[in-house]
Amino acid sequence: MNHSLPVPDVLRSALAGLLDGLPPSQAAGAVDRLISHYRGVVPTHAPVLRDRSDVAAYAAYRMPATFEAVRSVLDAFRDAAGPWTPATHTDIGGGTGAASWAVAEAWEDADTPVATTVLDWAEPALAIGRELAEASGLPGLRTARWERARIGSALTLESADLVTVSYVLNELTPDDRRTLVDTAAAAATGAVVIVEPGTPDGYARIIEARDRLIAAGLRVAAPCPHSAACPIEPGTDWCHFSARVSRSSLHRQVKGGSLAYEDEKFSYVAATRFTPEPAPARVVRRPQIRKGQVLLDLCTAEEQLRRETVSKRHGALYRAARDAEWGDPWPPHSAQSPS
C-alpha cells in the first residue's frame, strides 16, 4: 500500500479492501447488533465479535472513530511528554488495532519503530488486525505481535514503555475494571493512556482510572493541567472532547447517514512515570466566538474551572483564541497570557 498517503487515508483504503465482497446488508445487520451491544450497560462475559463478518462490520463502524479519538489523545499527550518516545507498547483489548495505528503514526519518525503487542480475546479480531496492519505499510504495525488474552482481572502483562486501553473498561465488571487499571499501571514503565466514550458514564470510568493511576505513583500529563482532584462537581457535568472523523462512502454505506463526517466524543487520561509538562490550562468546551472577543472555558493548573475572555486588545493572543479548538492547551506556546 502507498505509505506516502496520510495514515487516515491508508486506514480507509485498508478497510475498503477488508469489506470487499461482504454484502452490505450483512455488514449493516452486524453493525446494528454491535450498536445495540455497545449502548448497553451489561458487562461482556464472551467476545462480542463472533466471526469474520462481525469483525469486518466492527472495523468499518468503529475503527476510524477510535483511531481519530486516540490520535487526538496522543497529540495532547505528546505535548506534555516532550521528547519521550516509547520503545515498546502494549494495546490491551486492542481488537483490530485502531489504537496501535494511532501509536504507530504518533512516533512514525522515531529512529526505531515502536514494538507493539496487541492483546484481545477475540481471535477473529486479531486475525483481521494482522491483515490490516500488513496492508498499512507502517513498520511498527507490520512487525506487531497479535496475541489472544482474556481481558480482565486474570490478565498478566509484560513490562512496556506505553500501555493503552481504549474503549475497553465499559466491557468489564467494576472489579475487573479496577484490577485491569492497576495491572496496566504496574506494567507501564513510562506511560498509561486510557480512552473511553465521551459520555457521563465514560467520564466516570476515566475519573476512577485516573484516581487509581495517581495512587499507583503516576502523574497526569493530559488532559488535566494537574494531578489533583477533578474540579467538576460529580453529577453536574462531565469532561469530554471531540474528534472530527471523515467518513468514506464505504463507511456511510455500512453505518448509515449521509454526512461526510461525524464527531467522535471521548474522555481520556494520560499519565506518566516520568515528570510531564502539562498544559497551563486546557480548553474544555467549544470556544464561543463573539464580535471582538472569544470566550474560553478552561480547566486550569490552579485546580479550578474558569471562563476567560480574550478580546482584540490582546493582539496575538486574540488571534490564537480565534483559532483555538476544544481540547487545545491554553495559552498556545507562541502567544502570551493576557494581563
Protein backbone atom coordinates (compact mmCIF):
# COMPACT_ATOMS: atom_id res chain seq x y z
CA MET A 1 0.00 0.00 0.00
CA ASN A 2 1.20 3.56 -0.73
CA HIS A 3 2.55 4.77 2.60
CA SER A 4 3.07 8.28 1.21
CA LEU A 5 -0.66 8.78 1.88
CA PRO A 6 -1.77 10.19 5.27
CA VAL A 7 -2.36 7.40 7.77
CA PRO A 8 -6.17 8.01 7.98
CA ASP A 9 -6.37 7.55 4.18
CA VAL A 10 -4.28 4.39 4.42
CA LEU A 11 -6.66 3.06 7.08
CA ARG A 12 -9.74 3.81 4.97
CA SER A 13 -8.17 2.08 1.98
CA ALA A 14 -7.30 -0.97 4.07
CA LEU A 15 -10.87 -1.12 5.40
CA ALA A 16 -12.26 -0.92 1.88
CA GLY A 17 -10.19 -3.96 0.95
CA LEU A 18 -11.39 -5.77 4.07
CA LEU A 19 -15.08 -5.30 3.21
CA ASP A 20 -14.68 -6.11 -0.45
CA GLY A 21 -17.12 -8.93 -1.23
CA LEU A 22 -19.08 -8.66 2.02
CA PRO A 23 -22.77 -7.97 1.20
CA PRO A 24 -23.76 -4.51 2.53
CA SER A 25 -26.89 -5.94 4.13
CA GLN A 26 -24.82 -8.44 6.10
CA ALA A 27 -22.40 -5.76 7.26
CA ALA A 28 -25.26 -3.40 8.17
CA GLY A 29 -27.00 -6.13 10.18
CA ALA A 30 -23.85 -6.83 12.15
CA VAL A 31 -23.41 -3.11 12.79
CA ASP A 32 -26.96 -2.85 14.18
CA ARG A 33 -26.25 -5.69 16.60
CA LEU A 34 -22.95 -4.14 17.66
CA ILE A 35 -24.57 -0.75 18.24
CA SER A 36 -27.15 -2.41 20.49
CA HIS A 37 -24.37 -4.05 22.48
CA TYR A 38 -22.16 -1.00 22.86
CA ARG A 39 -25.10 1.12 24.02
CA GLY A 40 -25.90 -1.44 26.69
CA VAL A 41 -24.68 -1.49 30.26
CA VAL A 42 -24.22 -5.23 30.81
CA PRO A 43 -20.54 -6.23 31.04
CA THR A 44 -19.34 -8.71 28.48
CA HIS A 45 -18.55 -12.29 29.51
CA ALA A 46 -17.79 -13.53 26.00
CA PRO A 47 -16.19 -11.95 22.93
CA VAL A 48 -18.60 -9.55 21.24
CA LEU A 49 -17.05 -10.15 17.81
CA ARG A 50 -18.09 -13.69 16.91
CA ASP A 51 -16.79 -14.20 13.37
CA ARG A 52 -15.10 -12.53 10.43
CA SER A 53 -18.21 -10.69 9.21
CA ASP A 54 -18.76 -9.28 12.71
CA VAL A 55 -15.17 -8.08 12.82
CA ALA A 56 -15.35 -6.56 9.33
CA ALA A 57 -18.51 -4.68 10.28
CA TYR A 58 -16.98 -3.57 13.57
CA ALA A 59 -13.83 -2.32 11.84
CA ALA A 60 -15.83 -0.26 9.35
CA TYR A 61 -18.20 1.03 12.05
CA ARG A 62 -15.77 1.85 14.85
CA MET A 63 -12.15 1.78 13.72
CA PRO A 64 -11.96 5.22 12.03
CA ALA A 65 -13.60 6.90 15.04
CA THR A 66 -11.46 5.06 17.61
CA PHE A 67 -8.33 5.87 15.61
CA GLU A 68 -9.15 9.59 15.48
CA ALA A 69 -10.00 9.73 19.20
CA VAL A 70 -6.76 8.03 20.24
CA ARG A 71 -4.85 10.11 17.71
CA SER A 72 -6.19 13.30 19.37
CA VAL A 73 -5.31 11.95 22.81
CA LEU A 74 -1.75 11.13 21.74
CA ASP A 75 -1.34 14.62 20.28
CA ALA A 76 -2.17 16.12 23.69
CA PHE A 77 -0.05 13.54 25.50
CA ARG A 78 3.00 14.16 23.32
CA ASP A 79 2.77 17.90 24.00
CA ALA A 80 3.17 17.12 27.70
CA ALA A 81 5.66 14.25 27.28
CA GLY A 82 8.20 16.26 25.28
CA PRO A 83 10.90 14.19 23.55
CA TRP A 84 9.93 10.96 25.33
CA THR A 85 9.45 8.11 22.86
CA PRO A 86 8.23 4.60 23.73
CA ALA A 87 10.27 1.66 22.50
CA THR A 88 7.58 -0.87 23.47
CA HIS A 89 3.78 -0.63 23.55
CA THR A 90 1.03 -2.94 24.78
CA ASP A 91 -2.51 -2.35 23.48
CA ILE A 92 -4.94 -4.00 25.92
CA GLY A 93 -8.20 -5.11 24.32
CA GLY A 94 -6.89 -3.68 21.07
CA GLY A 95 -9.23 -5.65 18.78
CA THR A 96 -8.40 -4.80 15.18
CA GLY A 97 -5.71 -2.34 16.29
CA ALA A 98 -7.12 1.20 15.97
CA ALA A 99 -5.08 2.48 18.95
CA SER A 100 -1.98 0.76 17.61
CA TRP A 101 -2.42 2.55 14.28
CA ALA A 102 -2.51 5.84 16.22
CA VAL A 103 0.63 4.93 18.18
CA ALA A 104 2.47 3.90 15.01
CA GLU A 105 1.59 7.24 13.41
CA ALA A 106 2.43 9.31 16.51
CA TRP A 107 6.01 8.03 16.67
CA GLU A 108 6.41 7.26 12.98
CA ASP A 109 9.59 9.35 12.78
CA ALA A 110 11.35 7.61 15.67
CA ASP A 111 14.71 6.03 14.84
CA THR A 112 13.28 2.61 15.68
CA PRO A 113 9.58 1.72 15.21
CA VAL A 114 7.60 1.22 18.40
CA ALA A 115 7.37 -2.52 19.13
CA THR A 116 3.66 -3.13 19.67
CA THR A 117 1.81 -6.10 21.18
CA VAL A 118 -1.96 -6.19 20.74
CA LEU A 119 -3.94 -8.25 23.25
CA ASP A 120 -7.55 -9.27 22.70
CA TRP A 121 -9.68 -12.31 23.45
CA ALA A 122 -11.44 -12.39 20.05
CA GLU A 123 -9.28 -14.36 17.62
CA PRO A 124 -11.23 -13.13 14.55
CA ALA A 125 -10.42 -9.54 15.56
CA LEU A 126 -6.75 -10.36 15.95
CA ALA A 127 -6.68 -12.10 12.58
CA ILE A 128 -8.17 -9.13 10.76
CA GLY A 129 -5.99 -6.76 12.76
CA ARG A 130 -2.96 -8.58 11.35
CA GLU A 131 -4.32 -8.22 7.82
CA LEU A 132 -4.96 -4.51 8.21
CA ALA A 133 -1.54 -3.98 9.80
CA GLU A 134 0.19 -5.75 6.92
CA ALA A 135 -1.66 -3.50 4.46
CA SER A 136 -0.68 -0.35 6.38
CA GLY A 137 2.90 -0.09 5.25
CA LEU A 138 3.79 1.24 8.72
CA PRO A 139 6.85 -0.63 10.08
CA GLY A 140 5.61 -0.51 13.67
CA LEU A 141 2.34 -2.17 12.67
CA ARG A 142 3.76 -4.70 10.26
CA THR A 143 6.01 -6.10 12.99
CA ALA A 144 3.36 -6.01 15.75
CA ARG A 145 2.51 -9.13 17.74
CA TRP A 146 -1.16 -10.09 17.96
CA GLU A 147 -1.86 -12.31 20.97
CA ARG A 148 -5.04 -13.79 22.36
CA ALA A 149 -5.66 -12.98 26.04
CA ARG A 150 -8.69 -12.79 28.26
CA ILE A 151 -9.09 -9.13 29.22
CA GLY A 152 -9.98 -8.92 32.89
CA SER A 153 -8.68 -9.42 36.40
CA ALA A 154 -6.65 -12.52 35.45
CA LEU A 155 -4.63 -10.67 32.80
CA THR A 156 -0.87 -10.63 33.27
CA LEU A 157 1.33 -8.20 31.39
CA GLU A 158 4.97 -7.91 30.49
CA SER A 159 6.55 -4.52 31.11
CA ALA A 160 6.11 -1.96 28.33
CA ASP A 161 7.03 1.70 27.98
CA LEU A 162 3.48 2.60 26.91
CA VAL A 163 0.23 0.83 27.77
CA THR A 164 -3.01 1.83 26.00
CA VAL A 165 -6.56 0.84 26.98
CA SER A 166 -9.13 2.26 24.57
CA TYR A 167 -12.89 1.66 24.73
CA VAL A 168 -12.40 -1.41 26.93
CA LEU A 169 -13.37 -0.51 30.50
CA ASN A 170 -17.09 -0.32 29.66
CA GLU A 171 -17.00 -4.01 28.75
CA LEU A 172 -15.76 -5.09 32.19
CA THR A 173 -17.28 -5.57 35.62
CA PRO A 174 -16.33 -2.90 38.20
CA ASP A 175 -13.90 -5.29 39.94
CA ASP A 176 -12.26 -6.28 36.65
CA ARG A 177 -12.00 -2.60 35.64
CA ARG A 178 -10.17 -1.67 38.79
CA THR A 179 -7.82 -4.65 38.58
CA LEU A 180 -7.09 -4.02 34.91
CA VAL A 181 -6.14 -0.38 35.54
CA ASP A 182 -3.86 -1.43 38.40
CA THR A 183 -2.27 -4.09 36.17
CA ALA A 184 -1.71 -1.57 33.39
CA ALA A 185 -0.13 0.89 35.84
CA ALA A 186 2.19 -1.78 37.23
CA ALA A 187 3.29 -2.88 33.75
CA ALA A 188 3.90 0.61 32.34
CA THR A 189 7.48 1.80 32.72
CA GLY A 190 6.68 5.11 31.00
CA ALA A 191 3.01 5.93 30.50
CA VAL A 192 -0.59 4.71 30.51
CA VAL A 193 -3.24 6.12 28.15
CA ILE A 194 -6.90 5.25 28.75
CA VAL A 195 -9.75 6.34 26.45
CA GLU A 196 -13.50 5.84 26.94
CA PRO A 197 -16.66 7.13 25.24
CA GLY A 198 -17.38 10.81 25.95
CA THR A 199 -20.50 10.11 28.00
CA PRO A 200 -21.17 10.73 31.71
CA ASP A 201 -20.57 7.02 32.37
CA GLY A 202 -17.39 7.02 30.27
CA TYR A 203 -16.11 10.06 32.16
CA ALA A 204 -16.90 8.36 35.49
CA ARG A 205 -14.80 5.37 34.44
CA ILE A 206 -11.96 7.69 33.42
CA ILE A 207 -12.06 9.53 36.76
CA GLU A 208 -11.93 6.22 38.62
CA ALA A 209 -8.99 5.10 36.47
CA ARG A 210 -7.28 8.48 36.92
CA ASP A 211 -7.51 8.16 40.70
CA ARG A 212 -6.01 4.67 40.57
CA LEU A 213 -3.16 5.73 38.30
CA ILE A 214 -2.28 8.58 40.65
CA ALA A 215 -2.44 6.23 43.63
CA ALA A 216 -0.01 3.96 41.76
CA GLY A 217 2.50 6.80 41.58
CA LEU A 218 1.85 8.14 38.07
CA ARG A 219 1.39 11.82 37.22
CA VAL A 220 -1.32 13.16 34.94
CA ALA A 221 0.06 14.52 31.67
CA ALA A 222 -3.22 15.22 29.86
CA PRO A 223 -5.89 16.42 29.59
CA CYS A 224 -5.69 17.82 33.12
CA PRO A 225 -3.18 20.58 33.92
CA HIS A 226 -2.66 18.98 37.36
CA SER A 227 -2.84 15.69 39.25
CA ALA A 228 -5.19 16.98 41.96
CA ALA A 229 -8.89 16.14 42.17
CA CYS A 230 -11.05 16.97 39.16
CA PRO A 231 -12.79 20.32 39.81
CA ILE A 232 -16.05 19.15 38.21
CA GLU A 233 -18.67 18.51 40.89
CA PRO A 234 -19.87 14.91 40.46
CA GLY A 235 -23.21 14.68 38.71
CA THR A 236 -23.19 18.26 37.39
CA ASP A 237 -21.12 17.82 34.22
CA TRP A 238 -18.52 15.61 32.62
CA CYS A 239 -15.17 16.24 30.92
CA HIS A 240 -15.02 15.09 27.32
CA PHE A 241 -13.62 16.12 23.97
CA SER A 242 -14.37 15.67 20.29
CA ALA A 243 -12.51 14.45 17.20
CA ARG A 244 -13.71 15.03 13.64
CA VAL A 245 -13.91 11.77 11.67
CA SER A 246 -14.00 11.82 7.86
CA ARG A 247 -16.41 9.19 6.60
CA SER A 248 -15.74 7.44 3.32
CA SER A 249 -18.64 6.40 1.09
CA LEU A 250 -17.99 2.84 2.29
CA HIS A 251 -18.24 3.95 5.93
CA ARG A 252 -21.50 5.82 5.23
CA GLN A 253 -22.92 2.75 3.50
CA VAL A 254 -22.17 0.46 6.43
CA LYS A 255 -23.02 2.87 9.23
CA GLY A 256 -25.83 4.81 7.58
CA GLY A 257 -26.25 8.55 7.23
CA SER A 258 -25.25 10.98 4.52
CA LEU A 259 -22.79 13.42 6.10
CA ALA A 260 -19.16 13.26 5.02
CA TYR A 261 -18.01 13.44 8.64
CA GLU A 262 -19.01 12.72 12.22
CA ASP A 263 -17.77 13.92 15.59
CA GLU A 264 -16.47 11.27 17.97
CA LYS A 265 -16.86 12.26 21.64
CA PHE A 266 -14.37 10.76 24.09
CA SER A 267 -12.97 11.09 27.62
CA TYR A 268 -9.41 10.17 28.49
CA VAL A 269 -6.47 10.27 30.87
CA ALA A 270 -2.78 10.01 30.06
CA ALA A 271 -0.40 9.54 33.00
CA THR A 272 3.35 9.05 33.23
CA ARG A 273 6.07 7.57 35.41
CA PHE A 274 8.34 10.48 34.45
CA THR A 275 7.64 14.16 35.14
CA PRO A 276 5.44 15.56 32.35
CA GLU A 277 4.86 19.19 31.42
CA PRO A 278 1.06 19.52 31.38
CA ALA A 279 -0.62 22.44 29.66
CA PRO A 280 -1.08 25.53 31.89
CA ALA A 281 -4.79 25.18 31.09
CA ARG A 282 -6.97 23.26 28.66
CA VAL A 283 -9.99 24.34 26.63
CA VAL A 284 -12.79 22.09 27.89
CA ARG A 285 -15.68 23.39 25.77
CA ARG A 286 -16.07 24.57 22.22
CA PRO A 287 -14.82 28.20 22.14
CA GLN A 288 -17.52 30.84 21.71
CA ILE A 289 -16.55 33.45 19.13
CA ARG A 290 -18.31 36.77 19.62
CA LYS A 291 -17.80 40.16 17.98
CA GLY A 292 -14.33 41.27 19.02
CA GLN A 293 -13.87 38.57 21.66
CA VAL A 294 -13.56 34.85 22.29
CA LEU A 295 -14.90 33.07 25.38
CA LEU A 296 -12.80 30.12 26.52
CA ASP A 297 -13.91 27.61 29.17
CA LEU A 298 -10.73 26.36 30.80
CA CYS A 299 -9.54 23.78 33.30
CA THR A 300 -6.52 25.37 34.94
CA ALA A 301 -3.37 24.41 36.83
CA GLU A 302 -4.94 26.14 39.84
CA GLU A 303 -7.30 23.13 40.03
CA GLN A 304 -10.38 25.09 39.01
CA LEU A 305 -12.67 25.74 36.06
CA ARG A 306 -12.61 29.27 34.69
CA ARG A 307 -14.05 31.24 31.79
CA GLU A 308 -11.54 33.54 30.15
CA THR A 309 -12.49 36.35 27.77
CA VAL A 310 -9.86 37.17 25.14
CA SER A 311 -10.50 40.38 23.25
CA LYS A 312 -8.89 42.22 20.36
CA ARG A 313 -6.76 44.26 22.74
CA HIS A 314 -4.83 41.08 23.50
CA GLY A 315 -3.37 41.10 20.00
CA ALA A 316 -1.63 37.82 19.11
CA LEU A 317 -3.41 36.02 21.92
CA TYR A 318 -6.78 37.06 20.47
CA ARG A 319 -5.80 35.70 17.07
CA ALA A 320 -4.71 32.47 18.76
CA ALA A 321 -8.01 32.29 20.64
CA ARG A 322 -9.96 32.55 17.38
CA ASP A 323 -8.01 29.52 16.13
CA ALA A 324 -8.29 27.58 19.39
CA GLU A 325 -10.24 24.34 19.38
CA TRP A 326 -11.95 22.26 22.01
CA GLY A 327 -9.27 20.21 23.78
CA ASP A 328 -6.36 22.50 22.95
CA PRO A 329 -3.82 23.62 25.56
CA TRP A 330 -4.05 27.26 26.59
CA PRO A 331 -2.30 29.55 26.06
CA PRO A 332 -0.52 28.27 22.96
CA HIS A 333 3.27 28.23 23.10
CA SER A 334 3.50 31.07 20.58
CA ALA A 335 1.33 33.54 22.50
CA GLN A 336 1.48 35.39 25.79
CA SER A 337 -1.20 35.31 28.50
CA PRO A 338 -3.44 38.38 28.77
CA SER A 339 -2.64 40.77 31.54
